[in-house]
Amino acid sequence: MQKLVLASMNEGKLREVRLALQDLALEIVDLSSYPGAPEVDENQSTFLGNAKLKAEAYAGFTHEWTLADDSGLEVFALKGEPGVHSARYAGIHGDDEANIKKLLADLRDLPRDRRSARFVCALALAFPGGGMITAEGECRARIGFGPKGTNGFGYDPIFFLPQYNRMMAELTEEEKERISHRANAIGILRPLIVKRLEASGA
């Protein structure tokens, strides 16, 4: 079975990737299986740029197929912010509660019809012998007025989906799998992965 390393230690991302690719001949692990993995400075101006940077760096470190994800939230009224700074919007990387609090404060005077936003996910799968495949997906909705739900991470508790009349964090994993930005990106990448598996005889 082909090993695929997710260039992250985010359990939520690992769970989503495993669910989306569960029927393929892949053993999917994250960087917790590789002690001493270096930090990669995500210094690119786009999600895809950061994903490609991480995929190449960690493929070189793990010598395995390596899937890197860079994703975040773009709020149109904030000219695309927080964008590539989504995970550290409030100043501390990965503090979801602080990031949500800051974003809600930044949008406090905006009515419902001006709170449109989208989640963006860029994926890059790098191979240790060289080569890379990429995909990008999105999910559009609007920012709610307060957090709800516990099924998710990041900005999921304030990402309101009108078609469900719920926040993304209130969806089941199966519902989220149908519409999320990461699911959409994986859906684009999936046939390319299948071709690569077939070529390698996996």
N, C-alpha and C. Protein backbone atom coordinates (compact mmCIF):
# COMPACT_ATOMS: atom_id res chain seq x y z
N MET A 1 0.85 -1.20 0.00
CA MET A 1 0.00 0.00 0.00
C MET A 1 0.88 1.25 0.00
N GLN A 2 0.52 2.22 -0.81
CA GLN A 2 1.30 3.45 -0.91
C GLN A 2 1.08 4.34 0.31
N LYS A 3 2.17 4.79 0.90
CA LYS A 3 2.06 5.72 2.02
C LYS A 3 1.92 7.13 1.49
N LEU A 4 1.03 7.89 2.11
CA LEU A 4 0.85 9.31 1.80
C LEU A 4 0.92 10.09 3.10
N VAL A 5 1.81 11.05 3.16
CA VAL A 5 1.99 11.85 4.36
C VAL A 5 1.26 13.18 4.20
N LEU A 6 0.37 13.48 5.12
CA LEU A 6 -0.26 14.79 5.15
C LEU A 6 0.66 15.74 5.90
N ALA A 7 1.07 16.80 5.24
CA ALA A 7 2.05 17.73 5.81
C ALA A 7 1.39 18.65 6.84
N SER A 8 0.91 18.04 7.90
CA SER A 8 0.19 18.76 8.95
C SER A 8 0.12 17.88 10.19
N MET A 9 -0.19 18.49 11.32
CA MET A 9 -0.51 17.72 12.52
C MET A 9 -1.90 18.12 13.01
N ASN A 10 -2.70 18.64 12.09
CA ASN A 10 -4.07 19.03 12.39
C ASN A 10 -4.97 17.80 12.26
N GLU A 11 -5.51 17.34 13.38
CA GLU A 11 -6.31 16.11 13.38
C GLU A 11 -7.57 16.24 12.53
N GLY A 12 -8.13 17.46 12.49
CA GLY A 12 -9.32 17.67 11.68
C GLY A 12 -9.04 17.49 10.21
N LYS A 13 -7.92 18.04 9.74
CA LYS A 13 -7.54 17.88 8.33
C LYS A 13 -7.26 16.42 8.00
N LEU A 14 -6.55 15.74 8.91
CA LEU A 14 -6.23 14.33 8.68
C LEU A 14 -7.50 13.50 8.57
N ARG A 15 -8.46 13.76 9.43
CA ARG A 15 -9.72 13.03 9.41
C ARG A 15 -10.45 13.25 8.08
N GLU A 16 -10.48 14.50 7.61
CA GLU A 16 -11.18 14.81 6.36
C GLU A 16 -10.51 14.16 5.15
N VAL A 17 -9.18 14.18 5.12
CA VAL A 17 -8.45 13.58 3.99
C VAL A 17 -8.64 12.07 3.99
N ARG A 18 -8.55 11.45 5.16
CA ARG A 18 -8.75 10.00 5.24
C ARG A 18 -10.16 9.61 4.79
N LEU A 19 -11.14 10.38 5.19
CA LEU A 19 -12.53 10.08 4.80
C LEU A 19 -12.70 10.19 3.29
N ALA A 20 -12.12 11.22 2.70
CA ALA A 20 -12.30 11.46 1.26
C ALA A 20 -11.57 10.44 0.39
N LEU A 21 -10.48 9.87 0.91
CA LEU A 21 -9.66 8.95 0.11
C LEU A 21 -9.66 7.53 0.67
N GLN A 22 -10.64 7.22 1.51
CA GLN A 22 -10.62 5.96 2.26
C GLN A 22 -10.66 4.72 1.38
N ASP A 23 -11.20 4.82 0.17
CA ASP A 23 -11.33 3.64 -0.68
C ASP A 23 -10.12 3.43 -1.59
N LEU A 24 -9.12 4.30 -1.50
CA LEU A 24 -7.92 4.14 -2.32
C LEU A 24 -6.85 3.37 -1.56
N ALA A 25 -5.91 2.79 -2.29
CA ALA A 25 -4.85 1.98 -1.68
C ALA A 25 -3.77 2.90 -1.11
N LEU A 26 -4.17 3.65 -0.08
CA LEU A 26 -3.26 4.61 0.54
C LEU A 26 -3.24 4.41 2.05
N GLU A 27 -2.05 4.46 2.63
CA GLU A 27 -1.89 4.54 4.08
C GLU A 27 -1.61 6.01 4.39
N ILE A 28 -2.58 6.70 4.97
CA ILE A 28 -2.47 8.14 5.18
C ILE A 28 -2.09 8.44 6.63
N VAL A 29 -0.96 9.09 6.79
CA VAL A 29 -0.47 9.47 8.11
C VAL A 29 -0.17 10.97 8.07
N ASP A 30 0.07 11.54 9.27
CA ASP A 30 0.44 12.95 9.29
C ASP A 30 1.87 13.10 9.83
N LEU A 31 2.29 14.33 10.05
CA LEU A 31 3.68 14.57 10.44
C LEU A 31 4.00 14.11 11.86
N SER A 32 2.99 13.74 12.65
CA SER A 32 3.28 13.21 13.98
C SER A 32 4.04 11.89 13.89
N SER A 33 3.99 11.25 12.71
CA SER A 33 4.74 10.01 12.49
C SER A 33 6.21 10.28 12.15
N TYR A 34 6.58 11.56 12.04
CA TYR A 34 7.93 11.93 11.63
C TYR A 34 8.53 12.95 12.61
N PRO A 35 8.99 12.46 13.78
CA PRO A 35 9.58 13.37 14.77
C PRO A 35 10.76 14.14 14.15
N GLY A 36 10.87 15.39 14.50
CA GLY A 36 11.96 16.20 13.99
C GLY A 36 11.67 16.85 12.66
N ALA A 37 10.42 16.74 12.18
CA ALA A 37 10.06 17.39 10.92
C ALA A 37 10.28 18.89 11.05
N PRO A 38 10.93 19.51 10.10
CA PRO A 38 11.26 20.93 10.21
C PRO A 38 10.03 21.82 10.04
N GLU A 39 10.09 23.02 10.58
CA GLU A 39 9.06 24.03 10.32
C GLU A 39 9.32 24.62 8.94
N VAL A 40 8.28 24.82 8.20
CA VAL A 40 8.40 25.45 6.88
C VAL A 40 7.78 26.84 6.98
N ASP A 41 8.54 27.83 6.60
CA ASP A 41 8.07 29.21 6.65
C ASP A 41 7.09 29.45 5.50
N GLU A 42 5.83 29.61 5.85
CA GLU A 42 4.80 29.82 4.83
C GLU A 42 4.81 31.30 4.41
N ASN A 43 5.73 31.62 3.53
CA ASN A 43 5.97 33.03 3.20
C ASN A 43 5.42 33.44 1.84
N GLN A 44 4.60 32.58 1.24
CA GLN A 44 4.04 32.91 -0.07
C GLN A 44 2.77 33.75 0.08
N SER A 45 2.39 34.44 -0.99
CA SER A 45 1.25 35.35 -0.94
C SER A 45 -0.06 34.68 -1.33
N THR A 46 0.00 33.39 -1.73
CA THR A 46 -1.21 32.67 -2.12
C THR A 46 -1.28 31.33 -1.39
N PHE A 47 -2.48 30.79 -1.29
CA PHE A 47 -2.66 29.48 -0.68
C PHE A 47 -1.89 28.43 -1.47
N LEU A 48 -1.99 28.47 -2.80
CA LEU A 48 -1.31 27.46 -3.62
C LEU A 48 0.20 27.56 -3.48
N GLY A 49 0.72 28.77 -3.42
CA GLY A 49 2.15 28.95 -3.25
C GLY A 49 2.65 28.31 -1.96
N ASN A 50 1.91 28.51 -0.87
CA ASN A 50 2.30 27.91 0.41
C ASN A 50 2.17 26.39 0.39
N ALA A 51 1.10 25.88 -0.26
CA ALA A 51 0.91 24.43 -0.33
C ALA A 51 2.05 23.77 -1.10
N LYS A 52 2.45 24.36 -2.21
CA LYS A 52 3.55 23.81 -3.02
C LYS A 52 4.86 23.84 -2.24
N LEU A 53 5.09 24.92 -1.52
CA LEU A 53 6.31 25.07 -0.72
C LEU A 53 6.40 23.95 0.33
N LYS A 54 5.29 23.73 1.04
CA LYS A 54 5.28 22.71 2.10
C LYS A 54 5.38 21.30 1.52
N ALA A 55 4.66 21.05 0.45
CA ALA A 55 4.68 19.71 -0.14
C ALA A 55 6.08 19.31 -0.57
N GLU A 56 6.76 20.22 -1.24
CA GLU A 56 8.12 19.92 -1.72
C GLU A 56 9.08 19.72 -0.56
N ALA A 57 8.99 20.59 0.45
CA ALA A 57 9.91 20.50 1.59
C ALA A 57 9.72 19.20 2.37
N TYR A 58 8.46 18.83 2.64
CA TYR A 58 8.22 17.64 3.45
C TYR A 58 8.38 16.35 2.65
N ALA A 59 8.19 16.39 1.34
CA ALA A 59 8.49 15.21 0.53
C ALA A 59 9.98 14.92 0.57
N GLY A 60 10.78 15.98 0.58
CA GLY A 60 12.22 15.81 0.70
C GLY A 60 12.63 15.25 2.05
N PHE A 61 11.86 15.60 3.09
CA PHE A 61 12.17 15.13 4.45
C PHE A 61 11.69 13.70 4.68
N THR A 62 10.46 13.38 4.23
CA THR A 62 9.87 12.07 4.52
C THR A 62 10.22 11.01 3.49
N HIS A 63 10.61 11.44 2.28
CA HIS A 63 10.85 10.52 1.15
C HIS A 63 9.61 9.71 0.82
N GLU A 64 8.44 10.31 1.02
CA GLU A 64 7.16 9.68 0.71
C GLU A 64 6.31 10.67 -0.09
N TRP A 65 5.24 10.15 -0.70
CA TRP A 65 4.25 11.04 -1.29
C TRP A 65 3.78 11.98 -0.18
N THR A 66 3.77 13.26 -0.45
CA THR A 66 3.44 14.22 0.60
C THR A 66 2.39 15.21 0.11
N LEU A 67 1.28 15.25 0.83
CA LEU A 67 0.16 16.12 0.49
C LEU A 67 0.14 17.31 1.45
N ALA A 68 0.28 18.50 0.89
CA ALA A 68 0.23 19.72 1.70
C ALA A 68 -1.03 20.49 1.37
N ASP A 69 -1.60 21.04 2.40
CA ASP A 69 -2.84 21.80 2.29
C ASP A 69 -2.55 23.21 2.80
N ASP A 70 -2.97 24.21 2.07
CA ASP A 70 -3.01 25.55 2.66
C ASP A 70 -4.41 26.06 2.39
N SER A 71 -5.06 26.44 3.45
CA SER A 71 -6.45 26.84 3.30
C SER A 71 -6.76 27.97 4.26
N GLY A 72 -7.85 28.63 3.99
CA GLY A 72 -8.22 29.74 4.86
C GLY A 72 -9.52 30.39 4.41
N LEU A 73 -9.81 31.46 5.07
CA LEU A 73 -11.07 32.18 4.87
C LEU A 73 -10.80 33.52 4.21
N GLU A 74 -11.60 33.84 3.22
CA GLU A 74 -11.55 35.15 2.58
C GLU A 74 -12.91 35.83 2.75
N VAL A 75 -12.90 36.99 3.37
CA VAL A 75 -14.13 37.77 3.55
C VAL A 75 -14.11 38.92 2.55
N PHE A 76 -15.11 38.98 1.70
CA PHE A 76 -15.07 39.93 0.59
C PHE A 76 -15.09 41.38 1.08
N ALA A 77 -15.83 41.66 2.15
CA ALA A 77 -15.89 43.03 2.68
C ALA A 77 -14.56 43.47 3.28
N LEU A 78 -13.69 42.51 3.60
CA LEU A 78 -12.36 42.82 4.15
C LEU A 78 -11.28 42.67 3.08
N LYS A 79 -11.69 42.73 1.81
CA LYS A 79 -10.76 42.64 0.68
C LYS A 79 -9.94 41.35 0.70
N GLY A 80 -10.61 40.26 1.11
CA GLY A 80 -9.96 38.95 1.09
C GLY A 80 -9.28 38.55 2.37
N GLU A 81 -9.26 39.42 3.36
CA GLU A 81 -8.69 39.04 4.65
C GLU A 81 -9.65 38.08 5.35
N PRO A 82 -9.16 37.22 6.26
CA PRO A 82 -7.77 37.05 6.68
C PRO A 82 -6.87 36.34 5.68
N GLY A 83 -7.43 35.66 4.68
CA GLY A 83 -6.63 35.07 3.62
C GLY A 83 -5.55 34.12 4.11
N VAL A 84 -4.34 34.28 3.59
CA VAL A 84 -3.25 33.37 3.96
C VAL A 84 -2.84 33.53 5.42
N HIS A 85 -3.37 34.55 6.08
CA HIS A 85 -3.08 34.76 7.51
C HIS A 85 -4.18 34.20 8.40
N SER A 86 -5.07 33.38 7.85
CA SER A 86 -6.25 32.91 8.58
C SER A 86 -5.90 32.25 9.91
N ALA A 87 -4.87 31.41 9.94
CA ALA A 87 -4.54 30.66 11.15
C ALA A 87 -3.93 31.54 12.23
N ARG A 88 -3.43 32.71 11.85
CA ARG A 88 -2.79 33.60 12.83
C ARG A 88 -3.38 35.01 12.77
N TYR A 89 -4.63 35.10 12.42
CA TYR A 89 -5.29 36.40 12.24
C TYR A 89 -5.24 37.25 13.50
N ALA A 90 -5.40 36.61 14.65
CA ALA A 90 -5.38 37.35 15.92
C ALA A 90 -3.98 37.47 16.50
N GLY A 91 -2.98 36.93 15.81
CA GLY A 91 -1.60 37.09 16.25
C GLY A 91 -0.92 35.83 16.73
N ILE A 92 -1.69 34.83 17.16
CA ILE A 92 -1.12 33.58 17.65
C ILE A 92 -1.57 32.46 16.73
N HIS A 93 -0.64 31.73 16.15
CA HIS A 93 -0.98 30.68 15.18
C HIS A 93 -1.83 29.59 15.83
N GLY A 94 -2.98 29.32 15.20
CA GLY A 94 -3.81 28.21 15.64
C GLY A 94 -4.76 28.50 16.77
N ASP A 95 -4.89 29.76 17.19
CA ASP A 95 -5.83 30.10 18.28
C ASP A 95 -7.20 30.39 17.65
N ASP A 96 -7.97 29.34 17.43
CA ASP A 96 -9.24 29.47 16.72
C ASP A 96 -10.18 30.45 17.42
N GLU A 97 -10.27 30.35 18.74
CA GLU A 97 -11.20 31.20 19.48
C GLU A 97 -10.85 32.67 19.32
N ALA A 98 -9.57 32.99 19.41
CA ALA A 98 -9.13 34.38 19.26
C ALA A 98 -9.34 34.88 17.84
N ASN A 99 -9.09 34.02 16.85
CA ASN A 99 -9.29 34.41 15.46
C ASN A 99 -10.75 34.72 15.17
N ILE A 100 -11.64 33.87 15.68
CA ILE A 100 -13.07 34.09 15.50
C ILE A 100 -13.51 35.38 16.18
N LYS A 101 -13.03 35.60 17.38
CA LYS A 101 -13.41 36.80 18.13
C LYS A 101 -12.98 38.06 17.38
N LYS A 102 -11.77 38.06 16.84
CA LYS A 102 -11.28 39.22 16.10
C LYS A 102 -12.10 39.45 14.83
N LEU A 103 -12.39 38.36 14.11
CA LEU A 103 -13.13 38.51 12.86
C LEU A 103 -14.54 39.05 13.13
N LEU A 104 -15.20 38.52 14.14
CA LEU A 104 -16.54 39.01 14.46
C LEU A 104 -16.50 40.49 14.86
N ALA A 105 -15.45 40.89 15.56
CA ALA A 105 -15.29 42.30 15.93
C ALA A 105 -15.09 43.16 14.69
N ASP A 106 -14.29 42.67 13.75
CA ASP A 106 -14.03 43.43 12.52
C ASP A 106 -15.29 43.59 11.66
N LEU A 107 -16.23 42.65 11.81
CA LEU A 107 -17.45 42.68 11.00
C LEU A 107 -18.67 43.14 11.78
N ARG A 108 -18.48 43.63 12.99
CA ARG A 108 -19.62 43.87 13.88
C ARG A 108 -20.65 44.86 13.32
N ASP A 109 -20.22 45.80 12.49
CA ASP A 109 -21.14 46.81 11.97
C ASP A 109 -21.73 46.44 10.61
N LEU A 110 -21.39 45.27 10.09
CA LEU A 110 -21.85 44.88 8.76
C LEU A 110 -23.14 44.07 8.83
N PRO A 111 -24.12 44.40 8.00
CA PRO A 111 -25.36 43.62 7.96
C PRO A 111 -25.15 42.28 7.26
N ARG A 112 -26.14 41.43 7.35
CA ARG A 112 -26.06 40.07 6.80
C ARG A 112 -25.64 40.05 5.33
N ASP A 113 -26.19 40.97 4.52
CA ASP A 113 -25.93 40.91 3.08
C ASP A 113 -24.54 41.41 2.69
N ARG A 114 -23.76 41.85 3.67
CA ARG A 114 -22.39 42.27 3.38
C ARG A 114 -21.35 41.38 4.06
N ARG A 115 -21.77 40.20 4.48
CA ARG A 115 -20.89 39.30 5.22
C ARG A 115 -20.49 38.07 4.39
N SER A 116 -20.56 38.20 3.06
CA SER A 116 -20.22 37.09 2.18
C SER A 116 -18.74 36.71 2.34
N ALA A 117 -18.48 35.42 2.24
CA ALA A 117 -17.11 34.92 2.42
C ALA A 117 -16.96 33.60 1.69
N ARG A 118 -15.73 33.15 1.60
CA ARG A 118 -15.50 31.83 1.05
C ARG A 118 -14.31 31.18 1.75
N PHE A 119 -14.41 29.88 1.93
CA PHE A 119 -13.28 29.08 2.34
C PHE A 119 -12.55 28.65 1.06
N VAL A 120 -11.23 28.71 1.07
CA VAL A 120 -10.41 28.29 -0.05
C VAL A 120 -9.44 27.22 0.43
N CYS A 121 -9.26 26.19 -0.38
CA CYS A 121 -8.29 25.14 -0.08
C CYS A 121 -7.42 24.89 -1.30
N ALA A 122 -6.13 24.97 -1.10
CA ALA A 122 -5.17 24.61 -2.15
C ALA A 122 -4.43 23.36 -1.69
N LEU A 123 -4.33 22.38 -2.57
CA LEU A 123 -3.64 21.13 -2.28
C LEU A 123 -2.48 20.94 -3.24
N ALA A 124 -1.37 20.46 -2.73
CA ALA A 124 -0.23 20.11 -3.57
C ALA A 124 0.28 18.76 -3.09
N LEU A 125 0.39 17.82 -4.01
CA LEU A 125 0.92 16.49 -3.71
C LEU A 125 2.26 16.34 -4.42
N ALA A 126 3.33 16.28 -3.62
CA ALA A 126 4.68 16.18 -4.17
C ALA A 126 5.19 14.76 -4.03
N PHE A 127 6.00 14.35 -4.99
CA PHE A 127 6.57 13.01 -5.01
C PHE A 127 8.07 13.10 -4.75
N PRO A 128 8.62 12.18 -3.95
CA PRO A 128 10.03 12.29 -3.56
C PRO A 128 11.01 12.24 -4.72
N GLY A 129 10.64 11.59 -5.81
CA GLY A 129 11.52 11.55 -6.97
C GLY A 129 11.36 12.76 -7.88
N GLY A 130 10.51 13.69 -7.48
CA GLY A 130 10.23 14.87 -8.30
C GLY A 130 8.83 14.81 -8.86
N GLY A 131 8.30 15.95 -9.21
CA GLY A 131 6.96 16.05 -9.75
C GLY A 131 5.95 16.43 -8.69
N MET A 132 4.84 17.04 -9.14
CA MET A 132 3.83 17.53 -8.22
C MET A 132 2.52 17.69 -8.97
N ILE A 133 1.42 17.42 -8.28
CA ILE A 133 0.09 17.70 -8.82
C ILE A 133 -0.63 18.61 -7.83
N THR A 134 -1.51 19.47 -8.34
CA THR A 134 -2.16 20.46 -7.48
C THR A 134 -3.65 20.56 -7.81
N ALA A 135 -4.39 21.13 -6.86
CA ALA A 135 -5.82 21.38 -7.07
C ALA A 135 -6.26 22.46 -6.09
N GLU A 136 -7.31 23.19 -6.46
CA GLU A 136 -7.88 24.20 -5.58
C GLU A 136 -9.40 24.05 -5.54
N GLY A 137 -9.98 24.26 -4.36
CA GLY A 137 -11.42 24.19 -4.20
C GLY A 137 -11.90 25.33 -3.32
N GLU A 138 -13.20 25.60 -3.36
CA GLU A 138 -13.76 26.66 -2.52
C GLU A 138 -15.15 26.28 -2.06
N CYS A 139 -15.61 26.99 -1.04
CA CYS A 139 -16.98 26.85 -0.54
C CYS A 139 -17.44 28.24 -0.12
N ARG A 140 -18.53 28.71 -0.71
CA ARG A 140 -19.00 30.08 -0.43
C ARG A 140 -20.18 30.07 0.53
N ALA A 141 -20.21 31.05 1.40
CA ALA A 141 -21.30 31.20 2.37
C ALA A 141 -21.22 32.63 2.92
N ARG A 142 -21.57 32.79 4.18
CA ARG A 142 -21.41 34.11 4.81
C ARG A 142 -21.04 33.92 6.27
N ILE A 143 -20.52 34.98 6.86
CA ILE A 143 -20.11 34.94 8.26
C ILE A 143 -21.30 35.23 9.15
N GLY A 144 -21.53 34.34 10.12
CA GLY A 144 -22.62 34.52 11.06
C GLY A 144 -22.30 35.58 12.11
N PHE A 145 -23.19 35.72 13.07
CA PHE A 145 -23.03 36.75 14.09
C PHE A 145 -22.50 36.19 15.41
N GLY A 146 -22.32 34.88 15.48
CA GLY A 146 -21.78 34.26 16.68
C GLY A 146 -21.53 32.78 16.43
N PRO A 147 -20.58 32.18 17.15
CA PRO A 147 -20.23 30.78 16.89
C PRO A 147 -21.29 29.79 17.35
N LYS A 148 -21.44 28.73 16.55
CA LYS A 148 -22.34 27.63 16.88
C LYS A 148 -21.73 26.33 16.37
N GLY A 149 -21.93 25.26 17.13
CA GLY A 149 -21.50 23.94 16.66
C GLY A 149 -20.12 23.55 17.16
N THR A 150 -19.89 22.26 17.19
CA THR A 150 -18.62 21.72 17.69
C THR A 150 -17.97 20.75 16.70
N ASN A 151 -18.60 20.51 15.56
CA ASN A 151 -18.04 19.58 14.57
C ASN A 151 -17.21 20.34 13.55
N GLY A 152 -15.99 20.61 13.90
CA GLY A 152 -15.14 21.35 12.97
C GLY A 152 -14.01 22.03 13.69
N PHE A 153 -13.32 22.88 12.96
CA PHE A 153 -12.19 23.61 13.53
C PHE A 153 -12.04 24.92 12.76
N GLY A 154 -11.11 25.74 13.17
CA GLY A 154 -10.91 27.02 12.49
C GLY A 154 -12.14 27.90 12.58
N TYR A 155 -12.57 28.41 11.44
CA TYR A 155 -13.71 29.33 11.39
C TYR A 155 -15.04 28.62 11.15
N ASP A 156 -15.05 27.29 11.19
CA ASP A 156 -16.28 26.53 10.94
C ASP A 156 -17.47 27.00 11.80
N PRO A 157 -17.26 27.38 13.08
CA PRO A 157 -18.41 27.76 13.90
C PRO A 157 -19.10 29.06 13.49
N ILE A 158 -18.48 29.87 12.62
CA ILE A 158 -19.13 31.12 12.20
C ILE A 158 -19.37 31.17 10.69
N PHE A 159 -19.15 30.05 10.00
CA PHE A 159 -19.31 29.99 8.55
C PHE A 159 -20.72 29.47 8.26
N PHE A 160 -21.63 30.38 7.96
CA PHE A 160 -23.05 30.04 7.85
C PHE A 160 -23.41 29.65 6.42
N LEU A 161 -23.99 28.45 6.28
CA LEU A 161 -24.37 27.90 4.98
C LEU A 161 -25.89 27.99 4.82
N PRO A 162 -26.38 28.93 4.00
CA PRO A 162 -27.83 29.12 3.86
C PRO A 162 -28.56 27.85 3.42
N GLN A 163 -27.93 27.02 2.58
CA GLN A 163 -28.62 25.83 2.08
C GLN A 163 -28.90 24.82 3.19
N TYR A 164 -28.15 24.89 4.28
CA TYR A 164 -28.39 24.01 5.43
C TYR A 164 -29.01 24.77 6.61
N ASN A 165 -28.99 26.10 6.53
CA ASN A 165 -29.44 26.95 7.63
C ASN A 165 -28.68 26.63 8.92
N ARG A 166 -27.40 26.30 8.75
CA ARG A 166 -26.53 25.96 9.88
C ARG A 166 -25.12 26.46 9.60
N MET A 167 -24.34 26.53 10.70
CA MET A 167 -22.93 26.79 10.55
C MET A 167 -22.23 25.52 10.08
N MET A 168 -21.06 25.66 9.49
CA MET A 168 -20.33 24.48 9.04
C MET A 168 -20.00 23.56 10.22
N ALA A 169 -19.77 24.12 11.39
CA ALA A 169 -19.46 23.31 12.57
C ALA A 169 -20.67 22.56 13.11
N GLU A 170 -21.86 22.82 12.54
CA GLU A 170 -23.06 22.09 12.94
C GLU A 170 -23.38 20.94 11.99
N LEU A 171 -22.62 20.82 10.91
CA LEU A 171 -22.85 19.75 9.94
C LEU A 171 -22.24 18.44 10.43
N THR A 172 -22.78 17.34 9.95
CA THR A 172 -22.13 16.05 10.18
C THR A 172 -20.91 15.97 9.26
N GLU A 173 -20.03 15.02 9.54
CA GLU A 173 -18.86 14.85 8.69
C GLU A 173 -19.28 14.52 7.26
N GLU A 174 -20.34 13.75 7.12
CA GLU A 174 -20.80 13.35 5.79
C GLU A 174 -21.33 14.57 5.03
N GLU A 175 -22.07 15.45 5.70
CA GLU A 175 -22.58 16.66 5.06
C GLU A 175 -21.43 17.58 4.66
N LYS A 176 -20.48 17.74 5.56
CA LYS A 176 -19.33 18.60 5.27
C LYS A 176 -18.52 18.04 4.11
N GLU A 177 -18.41 16.73 4.04
CA GLU A 177 -17.65 16.08 2.97
C GLU A 177 -18.24 16.39 1.60
N ARG A 178 -19.54 16.65 1.54
CA ARG A 178 -20.19 16.92 0.25
C ARG A 178 -19.92 18.34 -0.25
N ILE A 179 -19.68 19.29 0.66
CA ILE A 179 -19.67 20.69 0.21
C ILE A 179 -18.42 21.48 0.60
N SER A 180 -17.55 20.95 1.42
CA SER A 180 -16.44 21.75 1.93
C SER A 180 -15.41 22.08 0.86
N HIS A 181 -14.67 23.14 1.09
CA HIS A 181 -13.60 23.56 0.18
C HIS A 181 -12.55 22.48 0.04
N ARG A 182 -12.22 21.80 1.15
CA ARG A 182 -11.21 20.73 1.10
C ARG A 182 -11.75 19.54 0.32
N ALA A 183 -13.02 19.20 0.53
CA ALA A 183 -13.62 18.10 -0.22
C ALA A 183 -13.64 18.42 -1.71
N ASN A 184 -13.94 19.66 -2.06
CA ASN A 184 -13.96 20.05 -3.48
C ASN A 184 -12.57 19.94 -4.09
N ALA A 185 -11.55 20.39 -3.35
CA ALA A 185 -10.17 20.30 -3.85
C ALA A 185 -9.73 18.85 -3.99
N ILE A 186 -10.07 18.02 -3.01
CA ILE A 186 -9.70 16.61 -3.06
C ILE A 186 -10.42 15.92 -4.22
N GLY A 187 -11.67 16.35 -4.48
CA GLY A 187 -12.40 15.78 -5.61
C GLY A 187 -11.71 16.03 -6.94
N ILE A 188 -11.07 17.19 -7.07
CA ILE A 188 -10.32 17.51 -8.28
C ILE A 188 -9.01 16.73 -8.33
N LEU A 189 -8.36 16.59 -7.16
CA LEU A 189 -7.07 15.91 -7.10
C LEU A 189 -7.19 14.40 -7.22
N ARG A 190 -8.31 13.87 -6.76
CA ARG A 190 -8.50 12.42 -6.65
C ARG A 190 -8.20 11.64 -7.94
N PRO A 191 -8.78 12.03 -9.10
CA PRO A 191 -8.47 11.25 -10.30
C PRO A 191 -6.99 11.29 -10.69
N LEU A 192 -6.31 12.36 -10.34
CA LEU A 192 -4.88 12.46 -10.61
C LEU A 192 -4.10 11.50 -9.71
N ILE A 193 -4.57 11.35 -8.47
CA ILE A 193 -3.95 10.40 -7.54
C ILE A 193 -4.17 8.97 -8.05
N VAL A 194 -5.39 8.70 -8.50
CA VAL A 194 -5.71 7.36 -9.02
C VAL A 194 -4.80 7.01 -10.19
N LYS A 195 -4.60 7.96 -11.10
CA LYS A 195 -3.70 7.72 -12.24
C LYS A 195 -2.29 7.42 -11.78
N ARG A 196 -1.84 8.15 -10.76
CA ARG A 196 -0.49 7.96 -10.26
C ARG A 196 -0.37 6.58 -9.59
N LEU A 197 -1.39 6.17 -8.85
CA LEU A 197 -1.39 4.85 -8.22
C LEU A 197 -1.36 3.75 -9.28
N GLU A 198 -2.15 3.93 -10.32
CA GLU A 198 -2.17 2.93 -11.40
C GLU A 198 -0.82 2.83 -12.08
N ALA A 199 -0.18 3.97 -12.29
CA ALA A 199 1.14 3.99 -12.95
C ALA A 199 2.21 3.33 -12.09
N SER A 200 2.02 3.42 -10.75
CA SER A 200 3.02 2.84 -9.86
C SER A 200 2.71 1.38 -9.54
N GLY A 201 1.56 0.90 -10.02
CA GLY A 201 1.20 -0.49 -9.78
C GLY A 201 0.64 -0.75 -8.40
N ALA A 202 0.26 0.33 -7.70
CA ALA A 202 -0.29 0.16 -6.33
C ALA A 202 -1.71 -0.35 -6.37
